[in-house]
Amino acid sequence: MSELLVFVGTYTEPTPGGSKGIYAARFDTTTGKLSGSTPVAELKNPSWVTVSPDRKFLYAVSEVGVPDATGTPAGLVVAYAIGEGGTLSELNRRLYRRAGDPEIETRIAQYEMAFRMQASVPDLTDTSKE
C-alpha cells in the first residue's frame, strides 16, 4: 500500500462545523481511498491550491474579494511551508487582481467564454484530445 499526502482547498462557511479552508488527507494509491481529512490552515475560500515540485511549499489562491489600495476587489495568494505530517506554516501573502491590460483581459475573457461554451454542451464537444 502506498499513501500520498494530498491537500484540498474548500469554500469556507462561517457556520459551526462549516469548512475552514485547507485540509490535508491521505490518499491510498492502491484502493483509491481518501482518509484522515484534517484542517491544516484557516483561509477564506482557498479555491486553488498547489504544491511546489520539491514538495516543500504550498501555494493557495483565496477568493476573498478584499479591496486593494485602489478599492478594487482582489484576492490573496498565500505561500506556506509544508512541515511534518502536512502541517502548514504561513510564509507570506499578497493581494492579487487581474492585470488591467485590455489585450490580456480580452484574451482571458475569450478563453473563459470558450470554456463555458464547451462545458455547457459536453456531449457535443469532444475535448479529450486537446
C-alpha atoms as a PDB file:
ATOM      1  CA  MET A   1       0.000   0.000   0.000  1.00  0.00           C
ATOM      2  CA  SER A   2       1.312   3.403  -0.982  1.00  0.00           C
ATOM      3  CA  GLU A   3      -0.043   6.580   0.566  1.00  0.00           C
ATOM      4  CA  LEU A   4       0.238  10.136  -0.659  1.00  0.00           C
ATOM      5  CA  LEU A   5      -0.393  13.301   1.322  1.00  0.00           C
ATOM      6  CA  VAL A   6      -2.897  15.485  -0.530  1.00  0.00           C
ATOM      7  CA  PHE A   7      -4.175  18.984   0.173  1.00  0.00           C
ATOM      8  CA  VAL A   8      -7.687  20.190  -0.562  1.00  0.00           C
ATOM      9  CA  GLY A   9      -8.900  23.789  -0.729  1.00  0.00           C
ATOM     10  CA  THR A  10     -12.539  24.431   0.138  1.00  0.00           C
ATOM     11  CA  TYR A  11     -15.138  27.146   0.006  1.00  0.00           C
ATOM     12  CA  THR A  12     -15.481  28.238   3.600  1.00  0.00           C
ATOM     13  CA  GLU A  13     -18.636  28.686   5.642  1.00  0.00           C
ATOM     14  CA  PRO A  14     -18.997  30.947   8.689  1.00  0.00           C
ATOM     15  CA  THR A  15     -21.209  28.382  10.428  1.00  0.00           C
ATOM     16  CA  PRO A  16     -20.449  25.934  13.234  1.00  0.00           C
ATOM     17  CA  GLY A  17     -18.984  22.837  11.625  1.00  0.00           C
ATOM     18  CA  GLY A  18     -18.531  24.667   8.301  1.00  0.00           C
ATOM     19  CA  SER A  19     -15.423  24.366   6.190  1.00  0.00           C
ATOM     20  CA  LYS A  20     -12.434  26.388   7.439  1.00  0.00           C
ATOM     21  CA  GLY A  21     -10.024  26.420   4.495  1.00  0.00           C
ATOM     22  CA  ILE A  22      -7.230  23.988   3.586  1.00  0.00           C
ATOM     23  CA  TYR A  23      -7.310  20.332   4.622  1.00  0.00           C
ATOM     24  CA  ALA A  24      -4.726  17.537   4.433  1.00  0.00           C
ATOM     25  CA  ALA A  25      -5.706  13.928   3.825  1.00  0.00           C
ATOM     26  CA  ARG A  26      -4.103  10.604   2.973  1.00  0.00           C
ATOM     27  CA  PHE A  27      -4.715   9.026  -0.428  1.00  0.00           C
ATOM     28  CA  ASP A  28      -4.216   5.268  -0.768  1.00  0.00           C
ATOM     29  CA  THR A  29      -2.966   4.696  -4.330  1.00  0.00           C
ATOM     30  CA  THR A  30      -3.935   1.019  -4.217  1.00  0.00           C
ATOM     31  CA  THR A  31      -7.570   1.362  -3.145  1.00  0.00           C
ATOM     32  CA  GLY A  32      -8.251   4.965  -4.170  1.00  0.00           C
ATOM     33  CA  LYS A  33      -9.495   5.683  -0.647  1.00  0.00           C
ATOM     34  CA  LEU A  34      -9.117   9.183   0.772  1.00  0.00           C
ATOM     35  CA  SER A  35      -8.959   9.296   4.579  1.00  0.00           C
ATOM     36  CA  GLY A  36      -7.996  11.355   7.597  1.00  0.00           C
ATOM     37  CA  SER A  37      -9.115  14.793   6.444  1.00  0.00           C
ATOM     38  CA  THR A  38      -7.593  17.313   8.870  1.00  0.00           C
ATOM     39  CA  PRO A  39      -7.749  21.128   8.765  1.00  0.00           C
ATOM     40  CA  VAL A  40      -4.211  22.496   8.335  1.00  0.00           C
ATOM     41  CA  ALA A  41      -4.806  26.200   7.541  1.00  0.00           C
ATOM     42  CA  GLU A  42      -7.680  28.591   8.021  1.00  0.00           C
ATOM     43  CA  LEU A  43      -8.102  30.657   4.870  1.00  0.00           C
ATOM     44  CA  LYS A  44     -11.242  32.067   3.306  1.00  0.00           C
ATOM     45  CA  ASN A  45     -12.225  30.293   0.076  1.00  0.00           C
ATOM     46  CA  PRO A  46      -8.894  28.747  -0.991  1.00  0.00           C
ATOM     47  CA  SER A  47     -10.357  27.513  -4.259  1.00  0.00           C
ATOM     48  CA  TRP A  48      -6.991  26.619  -5.828  1.00  0.00           C
ATOM     49  CA  VAL A  49      -4.011  25.012  -4.096  1.00  0.00           C
ATOM     50  CA  THR A  50      -0.801  23.566  -5.498  1.00  0.00           C
ATOM     51  CA  VAL A  51       2.358  22.067  -4.064  1.00  0.00           C
ATOM     52  CA  SER A  52       5.821  23.037  -5.323  1.00  0.00           C
ATOM     53  CA  PRO A  53       7.759  20.359  -7.271  1.00  0.00           C
ATOM     54  CA  ASP A  54      10.129  19.821  -4.307  1.00  0.00           C
ATOM     55  CA  ARG A  55       7.072  19.362  -2.014  1.00  0.00           C
ATOM     56  CA  LYS A  56       8.359  21.954   0.473  1.00  0.00           C
ATOM     57  CA  PHE A  57       5.793  24.681  -0.234  1.00  0.00           C
ATOM     58  CA  LEU A  58       2.069  25.033  -0.848  1.00  0.00           C
ATOM     59  CA  TYR A  59       0.505  27.982  -2.653  1.00  0.00           C
ATOM     60  CA  ALA A  60      -3.165  28.870  -2.305  1.00  0.00           C
ATOM     61  CA  VAL A  61      -5.387  31.361  -4.092  1.00  0.00           C
ATOM     62  CA  SER A  62      -8.072  32.754  -1.832  1.00  0.00           C
ATOM     63  CA  GLU A  63     -11.212  34.223  -3.400  1.00  0.00           C
ATOM     64  CA  VAL A  64     -11.892  36.828  -0.761  1.00  0.00           C
ATOM     65  CA  GLY A  65     -12.860  39.994  -2.628  1.00  0.00           C
ATOM     66  CA  VAL A  66     -10.749  42.176  -0.313  1.00  0.00           C
ATOM     67  CA  PRO A  67     -10.370  45.694  -1.706  1.00  0.00           C
ATOM     68  CA  ASP A  68      -6.811  46.652  -2.604  1.00  0.00           C
ATOM     69  CA  ALA A  69      -5.351  50.168  -2.128  1.00  0.00           C
ATOM     70  CA  THR A  70      -7.416  51.467  -5.064  1.00  0.00           C
ATOM     71  CA  GLY A  71     -10.646  49.928  -3.765  1.00  0.00           C
ATOM     72  CA  THR A  72     -10.688  47.236  -6.484  1.00  0.00           C
ATOM     73  CA  PRO A  73     -11.777  43.819  -5.182  1.00  0.00           C
ATOM     74  CA  ALA A  74      -8.796  41.488  -5.093  1.00  0.00           C
ATOM     75  CA  GLY A  75      -7.948  38.050  -3.829  1.00  0.00           C
ATOM     76  CA  LEU A  76      -4.990  36.671  -1.967  1.00  0.00           C
ATOM     77  CA  VAL A  77      -2.125  34.410  -2.931  1.00  0.00           C
ATOM     78  CA  VAL A  78      -0.720  32.764   0.192  1.00  0.00           C
ATOM     79  CA  ALA A  79       2.517  30.775   0.470  1.00  0.00           C
ATOM     80  CA  TYR A  80       3.011  28.103   3.140  1.00  0.00           C
ATOM     81  CA  ALA A  81       5.921  25.916   4.200  1.00  0.00           C
ATOM     82  CA  ILE A  82       4.900  22.253   4.468  1.00  0.00           C
ATOM     83  CA  GLY A  83       6.024  20.627   7.726  1.00  0.00           C
ATOM     84  CA  GLU A  84       5.882  17.139   9.209  1.00  0.00           C
ATOM     85  CA  GLY A  85       2.605  15.356   8.644  1.00  0.00           C
ATOM     86  CA  GLY A  86       1.340  18.106   6.347  1.00  0.00           C
ATOM     87  CA  THR A  87       1.285  20.980   8.809  1.00  0.00           C
ATOM     88  CA  LEU A  88       1.373  24.377   7.107  1.00  0.00           C
ATOM     89  CA  SER A  89       3.225  27.493   8.288  1.00  0.00           C
ATOM     90  CA  GLU A  90       2.315  30.705   6.505  1.00  0.00           C
ATOM     91  CA  LEU A  91       5.288  32.424   4.890  1.00  0.00           C
ATOM     92  CA  ASN A  92       3.615  35.414   3.245  1.00  0.00           C
ATOM     93  CA  ARG A  93       0.545  36.658   1.416  1.00  0.00           C
ATOM     94  CA  ARG A  94      -0.034  39.084  -1.424  1.00  0.00           C
ATOM     95  CA  LEU A  95      -3.130  40.736  -2.832  1.00  0.00           C
ATOM     96  CA  TYR A  96      -3.746  39.980  -6.481  1.00  0.00           C
ATOM     97  CA  ARG A  97      -6.086  41.248  -9.137  1.00  0.00           C
ATOM     98  CA  ARG A  98      -6.329  40.974 -12.860  1.00  0.00           C
ATOM     99  CA  ALA A  99      -3.619  42.665 -14.890  1.00  0.00           C
ATOM    100  CA  GLY A 100      -5.638  45.590 -16.228  1.00  0.00           C
ATOM    101  CA  ASP A 101      -4.071  45.244 -19.686  1.00  0.00           C
ATOM    102  CA  PRO A 102      -7.006  45.374 -22.153  1.00  0.00           C
ATOM    103  CA  GLU A 103      -5.431  42.851 -24.547  1.00  0.00           C
ATOM    104  CA  ILE A 104      -4.776  40.341 -21.760  1.00  0.00           C
ATOM    105  CA  GLU A 105      -8.243  40.898 -20.306  1.00  0.00           C
ATOM    106  CA  THR A 106      -9.786  40.270 -23.743  1.00  0.00           C
ATOM    107  CA  ARG A 107      -7.827  37.042 -24.216  1.00  0.00           C
ATOM    108  CA  ILE A 108      -8.779  35.812 -20.749  1.00  0.00           C
ATOM    109  CA  ALA A 109     -12.433  36.620 -21.437  1.00  0.00           C
ATOM    110  CA  GLN A 110     -12.262  34.705 -24.746  1.00  0.00           C
ATOM    111  CA  TYR A 111     -10.762  31.623 -23.094  1.00  0.00           C
ATOM    112  CA  GLU A 112     -13.336  31.759 -20.313  1.00  0.00           C
ATOM    113  CA  MET A 113     -16.166  32.066 -22.841  1.00  0.00           C
ATOM    114  CA  ALA A 114     -14.807  29.128 -24.875  1.00  0.00           C
ATOM    115  CA  PHE A 115     -14.613  27.015 -21.722  1.00  0.00           C
ATOM    116  CA  ARG A 116     -18.196  27.897 -20.729  1.00  0.00           C
ATOM    117  CA  MET A 117     -19.413  27.025 -24.220  1.00  0.00           C
ATOM    118  CA  GLN A 118     -17.598  23.670 -24.225  1.00  0.00           C
ATOM    119  CA  ALA A 119     -18.728  22.835 -20.687  1.00  0.00           C
ATOM    120  CA  SER A 120     -22.364  23.616 -21.498  1.00  0.00           C
ATOM    121  CA  VAL A 121     -22.534  21.015 -24.270  1.00  0.00           C
ATOM    122  CA  PRO A 122     -20.211  18.188 -23.158  1.00  0.00           C
ATOM    123  CA  ASP A 123     -21.998  15.564 -25.281  1.00  0.00           C
ATOM    124  CA  LEU A 124     -21.447  17.568 -28.470  1.00  0.00           C
ATOM    125  CA  THR A 125     -17.860  18.626 -27.833  1.00  0.00           C
ATOM    126  CA  ASP A 126     -15.040  16.110 -27.582  1.00  0.00           C
ATOM    127  CA  THR A 127     -12.113  17.865 -25.876  1.00  0.00           C
ATOM    128  CA  SER A 128     -10.369  14.670 -24.776  1.00  0.00           C
ATOM    129  CA  LYS A 129      -7.571  15.137 -27.325  1.00  0.00           C
ATOM    130  CA  GLU A 130      -6.925  18.805 -26.577  1.00  0.00           C
END
